[in-house]
Amino acid sequence: MLLAGCGGGAPKAAEPIDSAPRAGAQQQSPAPPAKLPDARPVIVAFGDSLSAGFGADPGQSYPDFLQRELDQRGYHYRVVNAGNSGDTTTDGLVRIDTVTALKPAIVILEFGGNDGLRGLPVSEMKKNLAAIIEHAQSKSIAVLLAGMEAPPNFGPEYTVSFRQVYRDLAKEHKVTLLPFLLDKVAGVATLNQSDGIHPNVEGARIVADTVWNVLKPMVDAASAS
């Protein structure tokens, strides 16, 4: 009775470990191969909504088009979008450590648009941008400074001094300057969204081309070093 209750009878021989699976038995799928980390050098698009691609569909910001340009030309770099809508230069300074932690070869520094829209002091904007540049350079990161323009409603003195900030910083810190990120796009209705500020798809393509024309020599220099 004890044997019957425990499934008694003659003990079964153990199946060999390498025995073939039984017919109809479920077979586990092999685990997918581990994804290798992306070892390409990094270019960070660091800025506000103009870098983030505000209002654009995924994959249609200017950094996305810049990545396609690099890929098509055979440059093995990875563009990281570190744009954050609404950021001022003060916000950018707060976030700089998250960018340098990526150990980029190049940072495309695009801030100031929101400072200008709010009429914030030009001196404070310059101080913040200078601190960002200095921090990046202390980590041996090349900086492409993308200039912006202030709206005209704060008067010509503000507009001129705002524009001059970027030129002065580029000279003082010996960084590459793109005078105006939205060159050939700003003020063109067919290249902007309904707000008249943020580029649409076609506008973003033009911005990427504008950035690439200035960025290419920097990429070539970084690749050669």
Protein backbone atom coordinates (compact mmCIF):
# COMPACT_ATOMS: atom_id res chain seq x y z
CA MET A 1 0.00 0.00 0.00
CA LEU A 2 2.84 2.42 0.86
CA LEU A 3 4.43 1.70 -2.46
CA ALA A 4 1.16 2.27 -4.28
CA GLY A 5 0.54 5.54 -2.46
CA CYS A 6 3.97 6.88 -3.39
CA GLY A 7 3.76 5.71 -6.96
CA GLY A 8 5.58 2.54 -6.00
CA GLY A 9 6.79 -0.20 -8.22
CA ALA A 10 10.14 -0.68 -9.86
CA PRO A 11 12.03 2.61 -10.02
CA LYS A 12 12.36 4.12 -13.48
CA ALA A 13 15.77 4.53 -15.01
CA ALA A 14 16.84 8.18 -15.21
CA GLU A 15 16.83 9.62 -18.70
CA PRO A 16 20.21 10.70 -19.98
CA ILE A 17 20.73 14.49 -19.80
CA ASP A 18 21.29 14.79 -23.52
CA SER A 19 18.23 12.80 -24.52
CA ALA A 20 16.22 14.16 -27.43
CA PRO A 21 13.04 16.10 -26.57
CA ARG A 22 9.81 14.16 -26.70
CA ALA A 23 7.48 14.64 -29.62
CA GLY A 24 5.16 17.57 -29.06
CA ALA A 25 7.21 19.02 -26.20
CA GLN A 26 7.62 22.80 -26.08
CA GLN A 27 11.12 23.97 -26.92
CA GLN A 28 12.40 27.24 -25.50
CA SER A 29 13.58 29.80 -28.03
CA PRO A 30 17.23 30.74 -27.72
CA ALA A 31 17.83 34.03 -25.92
CA PRO A 32 18.47 36.94 -28.31
CA PRO A 33 22.10 37.99 -28.53
CA ALA A 34 23.09 40.78 -26.19
CA LYS A 35 23.03 44.19 -27.84
CA LEU A 36 26.49 45.68 -28.04
CA PRO A 37 26.89 49.22 -26.71
CA ASP A 38 27.10 51.98 -29.32
CA ALA A 39 30.78 52.88 -29.30
CA ARG A 40 30.54 55.71 -31.84
CA PRO A 41 31.81 59.13 -30.72
CA VAL A 42 28.98 61.37 -29.53
CA ILE A 43 27.79 64.75 -30.78
CA VAL A 44 25.29 66.38 -28.40
CA ALA A 45 22.67 68.85 -29.62
CA PHE A 46 22.30 70.79 -26.36
CA GLY A 47 19.61 73.42 -26.25
CA ASP A 48 15.96 74.27 -25.89
CA SER A 49 12.85 73.47 -27.96
CA LEU A 50 14.65 74.23 -31.22
CA SER A 51 16.96 71.29 -30.54
CA ALA A 52 14.30 69.15 -28.90
CA GLY A 53 12.11 69.38 -32.02
CA PHE A 54 9.06 70.92 -30.36
CA GLY A 55 5.91 70.20 -32.35
CA ALA A 56 7.67 67.82 -34.75
CA ASP A 57 6.91 64.14 -35.18
CA PRO A 58 9.48 61.69 -33.79
CA GLY A 59 12.53 61.51 -36.04
CA GLN A 60 11.96 64.95 -37.60
CA SER A 61 13.96 67.31 -35.41
CA TYR A 62 17.07 68.96 -36.77
CA PRO A 63 19.35 66.58 -34.76
CA ASP A 64 17.56 63.65 -36.44
CA PHE A 65 18.27 65.06 -39.89
CA LEU A 66 21.84 65.77 -38.82
CA GLN A 67 22.26 62.11 -37.87
CA ARG A 68 21.04 61.07 -41.31
CA GLU A 69 23.51 63.46 -42.93
CA LEU A 70 26.39 61.96 -40.96
CA ASP A 71 25.28 58.41 -41.80
CA GLN A 72 24.89 59.12 -45.51
CA ARG A 73 28.36 60.66 -45.67
CA GLY A 74 29.96 57.75 -43.86
CA TYR A 75 30.76 59.54 -40.60
CA HIS A 76 30.44 57.13 -37.68
CA TYR A 77 29.10 59.50 -35.04
CA ARG A 78 26.03 59.31 -32.84
CA VAL A 79 23.92 62.43 -32.36
CA VAL A 80 22.30 62.71 -28.93
CA ASN A 81 19.39 65.13 -28.60
CA ALA A 82 19.69 66.98 -25.28
CA GLY A 83 17.15 69.65 -26.11
CA ASN A 84 14.59 70.60 -23.48
CA SER A 85 11.67 72.84 -24.37
CA GLY A 86 11.41 76.08 -22.43
CA ASP A 87 15.00 76.10 -21.19
CA THR A 88 16.84 79.36 -20.74
CA THR A 89 20.62 79.67 -20.51
CA THR A 90 20.23 79.35 -16.73
CA ASP A 91 18.53 75.97 -17.19
CA GLY A 92 21.24 74.91 -19.60
CA LEU A 93 23.93 75.69 -17.05
CA VAL A 94 22.11 73.52 -14.52
CA ARG A 95 22.06 70.61 -17.00
CA ILE A 96 25.63 70.81 -18.28
CA ASP A 97 26.90 67.94 -16.12
CA THR A 98 24.38 65.55 -17.69
CA VAL A 99 25.84 66.44 -21.09
CA THR A 100 29.51 66.16 -20.19
CA ALA A 101 28.74 62.79 -18.56
CA LEU A 102 28.14 61.49 -22.10
CA LYS A 103 31.78 62.34 -22.91
CA PRO A 104 30.91 63.87 -26.28
CA ALA A 105 33.46 64.83 -28.87
CA ILE A 106 31.41 67.90 -29.83
CA VAL A 107 28.58 69.89 -28.24
CA ILE A 108 26.29 72.03 -30.40
CA LEU A 109 25.35 74.73 -27.89
CA GLU A 110 22.00 76.33 -28.71
CA PHE A 111 20.49 78.53 -26.00
CA GLY A 112 19.24 82.07 -25.71
CA GLY A 113 15.96 82.00 -27.59
CA ASN A 114 13.89 81.85 -24.40
CA ASP A 115 16.09 84.47 -22.72
CA GLY A 116 15.32 86.77 -25.62
CA LEU A 117 11.59 86.05 -25.65
CA ARG A 118 11.43 86.93 -21.94
CA GLY A 119 13.66 89.96 -22.23
CA LEU A 120 16.10 88.57 -19.66
CA PRO A 121 19.31 90.52 -19.04
CA VAL A 122 21.87 90.04 -21.81
CA SER A 123 24.69 90.15 -19.25
CA GLU A 124 23.21 87.15 -17.42
CA MET A 125 22.80 85.24 -20.67
CA LYS A 126 26.43 85.84 -21.57
CA LYS A 127 27.58 84.78 -18.10
CA ASN A 128 25.63 81.51 -18.33
CA LEU A 129 26.81 80.65 -21.83
CA ALA A 130 30.41 81.42 -20.87
CA ALA A 131 30.17 79.06 -17.89
CA ILE A 132 28.76 76.28 -20.10
CA ILE A 133 31.53 76.73 -22.66
CA GLU A 134 34.24 76.80 -20.00
CA HIS A 135 32.89 73.65 -18.36
CA ALA A 136 32.80 71.81 -21.69
CA GLN A 137 36.30 72.95 -22.60
CA SER A 138 37.60 71.80 -19.21
CA LYS A 139 36.52 68.31 -20.32
CA SER A 140 38.26 68.68 -23.71
CA ILE A 141 34.91 68.92 -25.51
CA ALA A 142 34.76 71.00 -28.71
CA VAL A 143 31.92 73.53 -28.78
CA LEU A 144 29.91 74.79 -31.72
CA LEU A 145 28.08 77.90 -30.51
CA ALA A 146 24.79 78.43 -32.33
CA GLY A 147 23.67 82.04 -32.19
CA MET A 148 20.12 83.27 -31.81
CA GLU A 149 18.33 86.56 -32.44
CA ALA A 150 16.18 88.51 -30.00
CA PRO A 151 12.68 89.64 -30.99
CA PRO A 152 12.48 93.34 -31.92
CA ASN A 153 9.89 94.31 -29.27
CA PHE A 154 12.55 95.04 -26.62
CA GLY A 155 14.15 97.70 -28.74
CA PRO A 156 17.19 97.95 -31.02
CA GLU A 157 19.72 98.28 -28.17
CA TYR A 158 18.65 94.96 -26.67
CA THR A 159 18.60 93.27 -30.09
CA VAL A 160 22.10 94.42 -31.00
CA SER A 161 23.66 93.57 -27.63
CA PHE A 162 21.91 90.18 -27.67
CA ARG A 163 23.39 89.33 -31.07
CA GLN A 164 26.84 90.54 -30.02
CA VAL A 165 26.98 88.11 -27.09
CA TYR A 166 27.56 85.14 -29.38
CA ARG A 167 30.25 86.87 -31.39
CA ASP A 168 32.07 87.99 -28.27
CA LEU A 169 31.92 84.54 -26.67
CA ALA A 170 33.20 82.83 -29.81
CA LYS A 171 36.16 85.21 -29.91
CA GLU A 172 36.90 85.11 -26.18
CA HIS A 173 36.71 81.33 -25.87
CA LYS A 174 37.96 80.46 -29.37
CA VAL A 175 34.95 78.33 -30.27
CA THR A 176 33.31 77.79 -33.65
CA LEU A 177 30.38 80.14 -34.24
CA LEU A 178 27.23 79.58 -36.25
CA PRO A 179 25.90 83.16 -36.28
CA PHE A 180 22.20 82.25 -36.48
CA LEU A 181 20.76 78.76 -36.11
CA LEU A 182 17.56 79.63 -37.98
CA ASP A 183 19.23 81.26 -40.96
CA LYS A 184 17.00 80.99 -44.08
CA VAL A 185 14.17 79.63 -41.90
CA ALA A 186 13.17 82.36 -39.44
CA GLY A 187 10.31 84.49 -40.72
CA VAL A 188 9.49 82.15 -43.62
CA ALA A 189 5.92 80.99 -43.05
CA THR A 190 6.19 77.88 -45.22
CA LEU A 191 9.17 76.64 -43.19
CA ASN A 192 7.68 77.11 -39.75
CA GLN A 193 4.87 75.73 -37.67
CA SER A 194 1.78 77.81 -36.97
CA ASP A 195 3.47 79.51 -33.99
CA GLY A 196 5.93 81.14 -36.38
CA ILE A 197 8.84 80.16 -34.10
CA HIS A 198 9.54 76.45 -34.46
CA PRO A 199 10.59 74.97 -37.81
CA ASN A 200 8.39 72.41 -39.53
CA VAL A 201 9.84 69.35 -41.27
CA GLU A 202 11.24 71.28 -44.22
CA GLY A 203 12.56 73.97 -41.93
CA ALA A 204 14.28 71.39 -39.72
CA ARG A 205 16.04 69.95 -42.78
CA ILE A 206 17.39 73.39 -43.64
CA VAL A 207 18.54 73.95 -40.05
CA ALA A 208 20.37 70.61 -40.16
CA ASP A 209 22.08 71.67 -43.42
CA THR A 210 23.05 75.00 -41.87
CA VAL A 211 24.53 73.27 -38.83
CA TRP A 212 26.30 70.67 -40.97
CA ASN A 213 28.11 73.29 -43.04
CA VAL A 214 29.76 74.60 -39.87
CA LEU A 215 30.02 71.25 -38.07
CA LYS A 216 31.75 69.30 -40.85
CA PRO A 217 35.24 70.80 -40.34
CA MET A 218 34.92 70.08 -36.61
CA VAL A 219 33.98 66.45 -37.27
CA ASP A 220 36.85 66.08 -39.71
CA ALA A 221 39.27 67.51 -37.15
CA ALA A 222 37.92 65.27 -34.39
CA SER A 223 38.16 62.21 -36.64
CA ALA A 224 41.77 62.98 -37.53
CA SER A 225 42.90 63.46 -33.93
